[in-house]
Amino acid sequence: MKQNVAAQSLAALGNETRLQLFRTLVRAGPDGANVGTLQQLLGIPGSTLAHHLGALARAGLVQQTRQGREVISSVDFPAMQGLIGYLTEECCTGLCVTAEDDAA
């Protein structure tokens, strides 16, 4: 994952409502949930929910698919795992200053 993609994903999750929405969708699993269910669980207006779902979708963290008359939102689990991997891939590898780092 590239740094700019990770930054966009983290920015989308940096809003309290979007973070709550994302965690709710994580709990829903791969089947996701429709807008009505999410609205009922989170207690937010439909227009607000649509705004936040759109931000998460633009960040690549949520997928939206139409099933008949319903729109189902679900977490893009590979994207989520990619973000987690990006954040932790160099865990505990130590710090090393290179000449390139010094020039910055």
PDB file of N, CA and C in Angstrom:
ATOM      1  N   MET A   1       0.850  -1.175   0.000  1.00  0.00           N
ATOM      2  CA  MET A   1       0.000   0.000   0.000  1.00  0.00           C
ATOM      3  C   MET A   1       0.894   1.235   0.000  1.00  0.00           C
ATOM      4  N   LYS A   2       0.492   2.210  -0.780  1.00  0.00           N
ATOM      5  CA  LYS A   2       1.251   3.453  -0.844  1.00  0.00           C
ATOM      6  C   LYS A   2       0.849   4.370   0.303  1.00  0.00           C
ATOM      7  N   GLN A   3       1.770   5.215   0.675  1.00  0.00           N
ATOM      8  CA  GLN A   3       1.562   6.126   1.801  1.00  0.00           C
ATOM      9  C   GLN A   3       0.347   7.029   1.589  1.00  0.00           C
ATOM     10  N   ASN A   4       0.161   7.538   0.365  1.00  0.00           N
ATOM     11  CA  ASN A   4      -0.965   8.444   0.126  1.00  0.00           C
ATOM     12  C   ASN A   4      -2.306   7.721   0.248  1.00  0.00           C
ATOM     13  N   VAL A   5      -2.371   6.460  -0.145  1.00  0.00           N
ATOM     14  CA  VAL A   5      -3.601   5.674  -0.005  1.00  0.00           C
ATOM     15  C   VAL A   5      -3.884   5.433   1.478  1.00  0.00           C
ATOM     16  N   ALA A   6      -2.849   5.104   2.236  1.00  0.00           N
ATOM     17  CA  ALA A   6      -3.015   4.899   3.677  1.00  0.00           C
ATOM     18  C   ALA A   6      -3.485   6.188   4.346  1.00  0.00           C
ATOM     19  N   ALA A   7      -2.923   7.304   3.942  1.00  0.00           N
ATOM     20  CA  ALA A   7      -3.308   8.589   4.531  1.00  0.00           C
ATOM     21  C   ALA A   7      -4.772   8.905   4.228  1.00  0.00           C
ATOM     22  N   GLN A   8      -5.224   8.627   3.016  1.00  0.00           N
ATOM     23  CA  GLN A   8      -6.627   8.861   2.670  1.00  0.00           C
ATOM     24  C   GLN A   8      -7.551   7.969   3.493  1.00  0.00           C
ATOM     25  N   SER A   9      -7.173   6.722   3.672  1.00  0.00           N
ATOM     26  CA  SER A   9      -7.978   5.793   4.469  1.00  0.00           C
ATOM     27  C   SER A   9      -8.052   6.248   5.918  1.00  0.00           C
ATOM     28  N   LEU A  10      -6.913   6.629   6.459  1.00  0.00           N
ATOM     29  CA  LEU A  10      -6.890   7.076   7.859  1.00  0.00           C
ATOM     30  C   LEU A  10      -7.658   8.383   8.033  1.00  0.00           C
ATOM     31  N   ALA A  11      -7.590   9.266   7.037  1.00  0.00           N
ATOM     32  CA  ALA A  11      -8.348  10.519   7.111  1.00  0.00           C
ATOM     33  C   ALA A  11      -9.846  10.224   7.143  1.00  0.00           C
ATOM     34  N   ALA A  12     -10.279   9.268   6.337  1.00  0.00           N
ATOM     35  CA  ALA A  12     -11.698   8.907   6.327  1.00  0.00           C
ATOM     36  C   ALA A  12     -12.128   8.346   7.673  1.00  0.00           C
ATOM     37  N   LEU A  13     -11.258   7.604   8.317  1.00  0.00           N
ATOM     38  CA  LEU A  13     -11.581   7.025   9.627  1.00  0.00           C
ATOM     39  C   LEU A  13     -11.379   8.019  10.759  1.00  0.00           C
ATOM     40  N   GLY A  14     -10.844   9.196  10.452  1.00  0.00           N
ATOM     41  CA  GLY A  14     -10.555  10.201  11.468  1.00  0.00           C
ATOM     42  C   GLY A  14     -11.769  10.974  11.951  1.00  0.00           C
ATOM     43  N   ASN A  15     -12.926  10.656  11.434  1.00  0.00           N
ATOM     44  CA  ASN A  15     -14.169  11.267  11.880  1.00  0.00           C
ATOM     45  C   ASN A  15     -14.879  10.279  12.800  1.00  0.00           C
ATOM     46  N   GLU A  16     -15.362  10.747  13.934  1.00  0.00           N
ATOM     47  CA  GLU A  16     -15.955   9.860  14.934  1.00  0.00           C
ATOM     48  C   GLU A  16     -17.149   9.073  14.384  1.00  0.00           C
ATOM     49  N   THR A  17     -18.004   9.728  13.622  1.00  0.00           N
ATOM     50  CA  THR A  17     -19.174   9.035  13.069  1.00  0.00           C
ATOM     51  C   THR A  17     -18.759   7.991  12.050  1.00  0.00           C
ATOM     52  N   ARG A  18     -17.796   8.329  11.182  1.00  0.00           N
ATOM     53  CA  ARG A  18     -17.333   7.361  10.196  1.00  0.00           C
ATOM     54  C   ARG A  18     -16.633   6.188  10.855  1.00  0.00           C
ATOM     55  N   LEU A  19     -15.884   6.443  11.902  1.00  0.00           N
ATOM     56  CA  LEU A  19     -15.232   5.345  12.613  1.00  0.00           C
ATOM     57  C   LEU A  19     -16.273   4.419  13.226  1.00  0.00           C
ATOM     58  N   GLN A  20     -17.301   4.987  13.827  1.00  0.00           N
ATOM     59  CA  GLN A  20     -18.379   4.186  14.409  1.00  0.00           C
ATOM     60  C   GLN A  20     -19.090   3.387  13.311  1.00  0.00           C
ATOM     61  N   LEU A  21     -19.361   4.020  12.193  1.00  0.00           N
ATOM     62  CA  LEU A  21     -20.003   3.363  11.065  1.00  0.00           C
ATOM     63  C   LEU A  21     -19.135   2.225  10.538  1.00  0.00           C
ATOM     64  N   PHE A  22     -17.850   2.483  10.371  1.00  0.00           N
ATOM     65  CA  PHE A  22     -16.935   1.455   9.868  1.00  0.00           C
ATOM     66  C   PHE A  22     -16.886   0.265  10.815  1.00  0.00           C
ATOM     67  N   ARG A  23     -16.791   0.527  12.099  1.00  0.00           N
ATOM     68  CA  ARG A  23     -16.751  -0.574  13.080  1.00  0.00           C
ATOM     69  C   ARG A  23     -18.053  -1.360  13.087  1.00  0.00           C
ATOM     70  N   THR A  24     -19.164  -0.679  12.866  1.00  0.00           N
ATOM     71  CA  THR A  24     -20.446  -1.373  12.763  1.00  0.00           C
ATOM     72  C   THR A  24     -20.445  -2.299  11.555  1.00  0.00           C
ATOM     73  N   LEU A  25     -19.924  -1.815  10.434  1.00  0.00           N
ATOM     74  CA  LEU A  25     -19.843  -2.645   9.238  1.00  0.00           C
ATOM     75  C   LEU A  25     -18.865  -3.807   9.409  1.00  0.00           C
ATOM     76  N   VAL A  26     -17.797  -3.600  10.154  1.00  0.00           N
ATOM     77  CA  VAL A  26     -16.870  -4.700  10.449  1.00  0.00           C
ATOM     78  C   VAL A  26     -17.621  -5.796  11.206  1.00  0.00           C
ATOM     79  N   ARG A  27     -18.440  -5.394  12.185  1.00  0.00           N
ATOM     80  CA  ARG A  27     -19.223  -6.370  12.946  1.00  0.00           C
ATOM     81  C   ARG A  27     -20.227  -7.103  12.055  1.00  0.00           C
ATOM     82  N   ALA A  28     -20.742  -6.409  11.036  1.00  0.00           N
ATOM     83  CA  ALA A  28     -21.714  -7.029  10.126  1.00  0.00           C
ATOM     84  C   ALA A  28     -21.084  -8.124   9.277  1.00  0.00           C
ATOM     85  N   GLY A  29     -19.773  -8.083   9.135  1.00  0.00           N
ATOM     86  CA  GLY A  29     -19.084  -9.101   8.347  1.00  0.00           C
ATOM     87  C   GLY A  29     -19.226  -8.878   6.858  1.00  0.00           C
ATOM     88  N   PRO A  30     -18.888  -9.888   6.081  1.00  0.00           N
ATOM     89  CA  PRO A  30     -18.882  -9.727   4.621  1.00  0.00           C
ATOM     90  C   PRO A  30     -20.264  -9.495   4.016  1.00  0.00           C
ATOM     91  N   ASP A  31     -21.319  -9.875   4.707  1.00  0.00           N
ATOM     92  CA  ASP A  31     -22.671  -9.646   4.186  1.00  0.00           C
ATOM     93  C   ASP A  31     -23.068  -8.179   4.257  1.00  0.00           C
ATOM     94  N   GLY A  32     -22.425  -7.397   5.113  1.00  0.00           N
ATOM     95  CA  GLY A  32     -22.714  -5.977   5.227  1.00  0.00           C
ATOM     96  C   GLY A  32     -24.086  -5.705   5.799  1.00  0.00           C
ATOM     97  N   ALA A  33     -24.592  -4.508   5.531  1.00  0.00           N
ATOM     98  CA  ALA A  33     -25.900  -4.087   6.041  1.00  0.00           C
ATOM     99  C   ALA A  33     -26.490  -3.048   5.107  1.00  0.00           C
ATOM    100  N   ASN A  34     -27.813  -2.976   5.103  1.00  0.00           N
ATOM    101  CA  ASN A  34     -28.461  -1.967   4.281  1.00  0.00           C
ATOM    102  C   ASN A  34     -28.537  -0.647   5.043  1.00  0.00           C
ATOM    103  N   VAL A  35     -28.864   0.392   4.316  1.00  0.00           N
ATOM    104  CA  VAL A  35     -28.876   1.739   4.882  1.00  0.00           C
ATOM    105  C   VAL A  35     -29.870   1.839   6.043  1.00  0.00           C
ATOM    106  N   GLY A  36     -31.041   1.222   5.888  1.00  0.00           N
ATOM    107  CA  GLY A  36     -32.049   1.285   6.944  1.00  0.00           C
ATOM    108  C   GLY A  36     -31.558   0.689   8.246  1.00  0.00           C
ATOM    109  N   THR A  37     -30.896  -0.440   8.160  1.00  0.00           N
ATOM    110  CA  THR A  37     -30.353  -1.085   9.361  1.00  0.00           C
ATOM    111  C   THR A  37     -29.278  -0.216   9.998  1.00  0.00           C
ATOM    112  N   LEU A  38     -28.394   0.320   9.173  1.00  0.00           N
ATOM    113  CA  LEU A  38     -27.327   1.175   9.702  1.00  0.00           C
ATOM    114  C   LEU A  38     -27.904   2.426  10.349  1.00  0.00           C
ATOM    115  N   GLN A  39     -28.890   2.998   9.714  1.00  0.00           N
ATOM    116  CA  GLN A  39     -29.527   4.200  10.252  1.00  0.00           C
ATOM    117  C   GLN A  39     -30.164   3.908  11.606  1.00  0.00           C
ATOM    118  N   GLN A  40     -30.821   2.782  11.722  1.00  0.00           N
ATOM    119  CA  GLN A  40     -31.461   2.394  12.978  1.00  0.00           C
ATOM    120  C   GLN A  40     -30.412   2.135  14.071  1.00  0.00           C
ATOM    121  N   LEU A  41     -29.346   1.442  13.729  1.00  0.00           N
ATOM    122  CA  LEU A  41     -28.305   1.121  14.715  1.00  0.00           C
ATOM    123  C   LEU A  41     -27.563   2.366  15.199  1.00  0.00           C
ATOM    124  N   LEU A  42     -27.287   3.283  14.274  1.00  0.00           N
ATOM    125  CA  LEU A  42     -26.466   4.447  14.609  1.00  0.00           C
ATOM    126  C   LEU A  42     -27.282   5.677  15.006  1.00  0.00           C
ATOM    127  N   GLY A  43     -28.563   5.678  14.648  1.00  0.00           N
ATOM    128  CA  GLY A  43     -29.414   6.800  15.017  1.00  0.00           C
ATOM    129  C   GLY A  43     -29.030   8.105  14.358  1.00  0.00           C
ATOM    130  N   ILE A  44     -28.637   8.038  13.082  1.00  0.00           N
ATOM    131  CA  ILE A  44     -28.282   9.264  12.360  1.00  0.00           C
ATOM    132  C   ILE A  44     -29.176   9.408  11.134  1.00  0.00           C
ATOM    133  N   PRO A  45     -29.433  10.633  10.697  1.00  0.00           N
ATOM    134  CA  PRO A  45     -30.283  10.855   9.525  1.00  0.00           C
ATOM    135  C   PRO A  45     -29.717  10.203   8.266  1.00  0.00           C
ATOM    136  N   GLY A  46     -30.602   9.838   7.356  1.00  0.00           N
ATOM    137  CA  GLY A  46     -30.194   9.182   6.120  1.00  0.00           C
ATOM    138  C   GLY A  46     -29.201   9.976   5.302  1.00  0.00           C
ATOM    139  N   SER A  47     -29.399  11.290   5.223  1.00  0.00           N
ATOM    140  CA  SER A  47     -28.480  12.110   4.422  1.00  0.00           C
ATOM    141  C   SER A  47     -27.087  12.137   5.041  1.00  0.00           C
ATOM    142  N   THR A  48     -27.030  12.162   6.359  1.00  0.00           N
ATOM    143  CA  THR A  48     -25.739  12.137   7.059  1.00  0.00           C
ATOM    144  C   THR A  48     -25.060  10.791   6.850  1.00  0.00           C
ATOM    145  N   LEU A  49     -25.836   9.728   6.951  1.00  0.00           N
ATOM    146  CA  LEU A  49     -25.303   8.388   6.739  1.00  0.00           C
ATOM    147  C   LEU A  49     -24.756   8.248   5.324  1.00  0.00           C
ATOM    148  N   ALA A  50     -25.509   8.732   4.345  1.00  0.00           N
ATOM    149  CA  ALA A  50     -25.060   8.657   2.949  1.00  0.00           C
ATOM    150  C   ALA A  50     -23.743   9.403   2.759  1.00  0.00           C
ATOM    151  N   HIS A  51     -23.622  10.572   3.380  1.00  0.00           N
ATOM    152  CA  HIS A  51     -22.383  11.358   3.291  1.00  0.00           C
ATOM    153  C   HIS A  51     -21.201  10.557   3.830  1.00  0.00           C
ATOM    154  N   HIS A  52     -21.375   9.956   4.992  1.00  0.00           N
ATOM    155  CA  HIS A  52     -20.267   9.222   5.615  1.00  0.00           C
ATOM    156  C   HIS A  52     -19.954   7.918   4.876  1.00  0.00           C
ATOM    157  N   LEU A  53     -20.986   7.230   4.381  1.00  0.00           N
ATOM    158  CA  LEU A  53     -20.738   6.030   3.578  1.00  0.00           C
ATOM    159  C   LEU A  53     -19.976   6.392   2.303  1.00  0.00           C
ATOM    160  N   GLY A  54     -20.333   7.514   1.704  1.00  0.00           N
ATOM    161  CA  GLY A  54     -19.636   7.968   0.505  1.00  0.00           C
ATOM    162  C   GLY A  54     -18.166   8.246   0.763  1.00  0.00           C
ATOM    163  N   ALA A  55     -17.873   8.864   1.895  1.00  0.00           N
ATOM    164  CA  ALA A  55     -16.474   9.162   2.243  1.00  0.00           C
ATOM    165  C   ALA A  55     -15.691   7.871   2.445  1.00  0.00           C
ATOM    166  N   LEU A  56     -16.288   6.898   3.096  1.00  0.00           N
ATOM    167  CA  LEU A  56     -15.607   5.613   3.312  1.00  0.00           C
ATOM    168  C   LEU A  56     -15.432   4.855   1.998  1.00  0.00           C
ATOM    169  N   ALA A  57     -16.423   4.958   1.122  1.00  0.00           N
ATOM    170  CA  ALA A  57     -16.320   4.304  -0.185  1.00  0.00           C
ATOM    171  C   ALA A  57     -15.237   4.957  -1.038  1.00  0.00           C
ATOM    172  N   ARG A  58     -15.178   6.294  -1.036  1.00  0.00           N
ATOM    173  CA  ARG A  58     -14.137   6.995  -1.802  1.00  0.00           C
ATOM    174  C   ARG A  58     -12.739   6.656  -1.298  1.00  0.00           C
ATOM    175  N   ALA A  59     -12.626   6.389  -0.007  1.00  0.00           N
ATOM    176  CA  ALA A  59     -11.338   6.006   0.578  1.00  0.00           C
ATOM    177  C   ALA A  59     -11.003   4.544   0.303  1.00  0.00           C
ATOM    178  N   GLY A  60     -11.937   3.808  -0.294  1.00  0.00           N
ATOM    179  CA  GLY A  60     -11.687   2.411  -0.640  1.00  0.00           C
ATOM    180  C   GLY A  60     -11.900   1.439   0.500  1.00  0.00           C
ATOM    181  N   LEU A  61     -12.510   1.886   1.577  1.00  0.00           N
ATOM    182  CA  LEU A  61     -12.701   1.019   2.739  1.00  0.00           C
ATOM    183  C   LEU A  61     -14.049   0.315   2.749  1.00  0.00           C
ATOM    184  N   VAL A  62     -15.018   0.845   2.020  1.00  0.00           N
ATOM    185  CA  VAL A  62     -16.372   0.298   1.996  1.00  0.00           C
ATOM    186  C   VAL A  62     -16.800   0.116   0.552  1.00  0.00           C
ATOM    187  N   GLN A  63     -17.497  -0.988   0.309  1.00  0.00           N
ATOM    188  CA  GLN A  63     -18.087  -1.264  -0.997  1.00  0.00           C
ATOM    189  C   GLN A  63     -19.594  -1.147  -0.868  1.00  0.00           C
ATOM    190  N   GLN A  64     -20.234  -0.666  -1.912  1.00  0.00           N
ATOM    191  CA  GLN A  64     -21.687  -0.582  -1.920  1.00  0.00           C
ATOM    192  C   GLN A  64     -22.196  -1.310  -3.150  1.00  0.00           C
ATOM    193  N   THR A  65     -23.123  -2.240  -2.933  1.00  0.00           N
ATOM    194  CA  THR A  65     -23.692  -3.012  -4.025  1.00  0.00           C
ATOM    195  C   THR A  65     -25.213  -2.959  -3.934  1.00  0.00           C
ATOM    196  N   ARG A  66     -25.836  -2.951  -5.084  1.00  0.00           N
ATOM    197  CA  ARG A  66     -27.289  -2.924  -5.133  1.00  0.00           C
ATOM    198  C   ARG A  66     -27.796  -4.362  -5.188  1.00  0.00           C
ATOM    199  N   GLN A  67     -28.734  -4.662  -4.294  1.00  0.00           N
ATOM    200  CA  GLN A  67     -29.409  -5.960  -4.300  1.00  0.00           C
ATOM    201  C   GLN A  67     -30.903  -5.680  -4.368  1.00  0.00           C
ATOM    202  N   GLY A  68     -31.424  -5.752  -5.573  1.00  0.00           N
ATOM    203  CA  GLY A  68     -32.819  -5.383  -5.767  1.00  0.00           C
ATOM    204  C   GLY A  68     -32.995  -3.897  -5.532  1.00  0.00           C
ATOM    205  N   ARG A  69     -33.859  -3.554  -4.572  1.00  0.00           N
ATOM    206  CA  ARG A  69     -34.115  -2.145  -4.261  1.00  0.00           C
ATOM    207  C   ARG A  69     -33.211  -1.624  -3.154  1.00  0.00           C
ATOM    208  N   GLU A  70     -32.413  -2.506  -2.556  1.00  0.00           N
ATOM    209  CA  GLU A  70     -31.560  -2.112  -1.432  1.00  0.00           C
ATOM    210  C   GLU A  70     -30.124  -1.887  -1.874  1.00  0.00           C
ATOM    211  N   VAL A  71     -29.473  -0.996  -1.170  1.00  0.00           N
ATOM    212  CA  VAL A  71     -28.031  -0.818  -1.330  1.00  0.00           C
ATOM    213  C   VAL A  71     -27.383  -1.397  -0.071  1.00  0.00           C
ATOM    214  N   ILE A  72     -26.499  -2.350  -0.285  1.00  0.00           N
ATOM    215  CA  ILE A  72     -25.811  -3.008   0.821  1.00  0.00           C
ATOM    216  C   ILE A  72     -24.395  -2.454   0.895  1.00  0.00           C
ATOM    217  N   SER A  73     -24.020  -2.008   2.074  1.00  0.00           N
ATOM    218  CA  SER A  73     -22.662  -1.508   2.315  1.00  0.00           C
ATOM    219  C   SER A  73     -21.909  -2.563   3.107  1.00  0.00           C
ATOM    220  N   SER A  74     -20.678  -2.804   2.712  1.00  0.00           N
ATOM    221  CA  SER A  74     -19.846  -3.769   3.429  1.00  0.00           C
ATOM    222  C   SER A  74     -18.394  -3.308   3.401  1.00  0.00           C
ATOM    223  N   VAL A  75     -17.664  -3.753   4.366  1.00  0.00           N
ATOM    224  CA  VAL A  75     -16.242  -3.421   4.456  1.00  0.00           C
ATOM    225  C   VAL A  75     -15.487  -4.145   3.348  1.00  0.00           C
ATOM    226  N   ASP A  76     -14.557  -3.453   2.728  1.00  0.00           N
ATOM    227  CA  ASP A  76     -13.618  -4.095   1.811  1.00  0.00           C
ATOM    228  C   ASP A  76     -12.513  -4.659   2.693  1.00  0.00           C
ATOM    229  N   PHE A  77     -12.692  -5.911   3.103  1.00  0.00           N
ATOM    230  CA  PHE A  77     -11.774  -6.504   4.074  1.00  0.00           C
ATOM    231  C   PHE A  77     -10.332  -6.586   3.578  1.00  0.00           C
ATOM    232  N   PRO A  78     -10.074  -6.890   2.303  1.00  0.00           N
ATOM    233  CA  PRO A  78      -8.678  -6.844   1.843  1.00  0.00           C
ATOM    234  C   PRO A  78      -8.065  -5.444   1.981  1.00  0.00           C
ATOM    235  N   ALA A  79      -8.855  -4.395   1.712  1.00  0.00           N
ATOM    236  CA  ALA A  79      -8.340  -3.025   1.869  1.00  0.00           C
ATOM    237  C   ALA A  79      -8.055  -2.740   3.336  1.00  0.00           C
ATOM    238  N   MET A  80      -8.950  -3.187   4.217  1.00  0.00           N
ATOM    239  CA  MET A  80      -8.744  -2.989   5.652  1.00  0.00           C
ATOM    240  C   MET A  80      -7.476  -3.718   6.110  1.00  0.00           C
ATOM    241  N   GLN A  81      -7.309  -4.945   5.668  1.00  0.00           N
ATOM    242  CA  GLN A  81      -6.120  -5.709   6.033  1.00  0.00           C
ATOM    243  C   GLN A  81      -4.857  -5.059   5.465  1.00  0.00           C
ATOM    244  N   GLY A  82      -4.975  -4.495   4.263  1.00  0.00           N
ATOM    245  CA  GLY A  82      -3.836  -3.787   3.674  1.00  0.00           C
ATOM    246  C   GLY A  82      -3.429  -2.585   4.502  1.00  0.00           C
ATOM    247  N   LEU A  83      -4.414  -1.841   4.997  1.00  0.00           N
ATOM    248  CA  LEU A  83      -4.126  -0.682   5.841  1.00  0.00           C
ATOM    249  C   LEU A  83      -3.480  -1.127   7.154  1.00  0.00           C
ATOM    250  N   ILE A  84      -4.026  -2.147   7.757  1.00  0.00           N
ATOM    251  CA  ILE A  84      -3.446  -2.663   9.008  1.00  0.00           C
ATOM    252  C   ILE A  84      -2.018  -3.152   8.760  1.00  0.00           C
ATOM    253  N   GLY A  85      -1.824  -3.848   7.652  1.00  0.00           N
ATOM    254  CA  GLY A  85      -0.483  -4.326   7.306  1.00  0.00           C
ATOM    255  C   GLY A  85       0.489  -3.180   7.088  1.00  0.00           C
ATOM    256  N   TYR A  86       0.039  -2.144   6.412  1.00  0.00           N
ATOM    257  CA  TYR A  86       0.888  -0.981   6.175  1.00  0.00           C
ATOM    258  C   TYR A  86       1.331  -0.361   7.496  1.00  0.00           C
ATOM    259  N   LEU A  87       0.392  -0.265   8.433  1.00  0.00           N
ATOM    260  CA  LEU A  87       0.699   0.357   9.730  1.00  0.00           C
ATOM    261  C   LEU A  87       1.649  -0.479  10.569  1.00  0.00           C
ATOM    262  N   THR A  88       1.634  -1.781  10.362  1.00  0.00           N
ATOM    263  CA  THR A  88       2.404  -2.660  11.253  1.00  0.00           C
ATOM    264  C   THR A  88       3.569  -3.379  10.580  1.00  0.00           C
ATOM    265  N   GLU A  89       3.767  -3.192   9.268  1.00  0.00           N
ATOM    266  CA  GLU A  89       4.757  -3.989   8.546  1.00  0.00           C
ATOM    267  C   GLU A  89       6.193  -3.810   9.041  1.00  0.00           C
ATOM    268  N   GLU A  90       6.504  -2.698   9.621  1.00  0.00           N
ATOM    269  CA  GLU A  90       7.872  -2.488  10.081  1.00  0.00           C
ATOM    270  C   GLU A  90       7.961  -2.434  11.605  1.00  0.00           C
ATOM    271  N   CYS A  91       6.974  -3.023  12.251  1.00  0.00           N
ATOM    272  CA  CYS A  91       6.938  -3.010  13.710  1.00  0.00           C
ATOM    273  C   CYS A  91       8.210  -3.632  14.292  1.00  0.00           C
ATOM    274  N   CYS A  92       8.816  -2.903  15.165  1.00  0.00           N
ATOM    275  CA  CYS A  92       9.951  -3.381  15.959  1.00  0.00           C
ATOM    276  C   CYS A  92      11.183  -3.729  15.131  1.00  0.00           C
ATOM    277  N   THR A  93      11.337  -3.114  13.949  1.00  0.00           N
ATOM    278  CA  THR A  93      12.507  -3.397  13.121  1.00  0.00           C
ATOM    279  C   THR A  93      13.671  -2.481  13.447  1.00  0.00           C
ATOM    280  N   GLY A  94      13.433  -1.528  14.316  1.00  0.00           N
ATOM    281  CA  GLY A  94      14.485  -0.607  14.713  1.00  0.00           C
ATOM    282  C   GLY A  94      14.524   0.613  13.816  1.00  0.00           C
ATOM    283  N   LEU A  95      15.261   1.586  14.266  1.00  0.00           N
ATOM    284  CA  LEU A  95      15.405   2.834  13.519  1.00  0.00           C
ATOM    285  C   LEU A  95      16.779   2.863  12.877  1.00  0.00           C
ATOM    286  N   CYS A  96      16.812   3.254  11.637  1.00  0.00           N
ATOM    287  CA  CYS A  96      18.072   3.332  10.910  1.00  0.00           C
ATOM    288  C   CYS A  96      18.058   4.624  10.119  1.00  0.00           C
ATOM    289  N   VAL A  97      18.996   5.493  10.387  1.00  0.00           N
ATOM    290  CA  VAL A  97      19.091   6.751   9.668  1.00  0.00           C
ATOM    291  C   VAL A  97      20.033   6.545   8.504  1.00  0.00           C
ATOM    292  N   THR A  98      19.558   6.889   7.296  1.00  0.00           N
ATOM    293  CA  THR A  98      20.393   6.774   6.106  1.00  0.00           C
ATOM    294  C   THR A  98      20.776   8.170   5.638  1.00  0.00           C
ATOM    295  N   ALA A  99      21.695   8.220   4.717  1.00  0.00           N
ATOM    296  CA  ALA A  99      22.101   9.517   4.154  1.00  0.00           C
ATOM    297  C   ALA A  99      20.913  10.197   3.491  1.00  0.00           C
ATOM    298  N   GLU A 100      20.012   9.392   2.911  1.00  0.00           N
ATOM    299  CA  GLU A 100      18.813   9.926   2.288  1.00  0.00           C
ATOM    300  C   GLU A 100      17.920  10.601   3.330  1.00  0.00           C
ATOM    301  N   ASP A 101      17.799   9.995   4.515  1.00  0.00           N
ATOM    302  CA  ASP A 101      17.011  10.571   5.600  1.00  0.00           C
ATOM    303  C   ASP A 101      17.631  11.883   6.095  1.00  0.00           C
ATOM    304  N   ASP A 102      18.946  11.927   6.169  1.00  0.00           N
ATOM    305  CA  ASP A 102      19.623  13.120   6.629  1.00  0.00           C
ATOM    306  C   ASP A 102      19.408  14.301   5.682  1.00  0.00           C
ATOM    307  N   ALA A 103      19.292  14.024   4.395  1.00  0.00           N
ATOM    308  CA  ALA A 103      19.128  15.074   3.398  1.00  0.00           C
ATOM    309  C   ALA A 103      17.744  15.715   3.484  1.00  0.00           C
ATOM    310  N   ALA A 104      16.802  15.010   4.028  1.00  0.00           N
ATOM    311  CA  ALA A 104      15.416  15.531   4.082  1.00  0.00           C
ATOM    312  C   ALA A 104      15.212  16.588   5.094  1.00  0.00           C
TER     313      ALA A 104
END
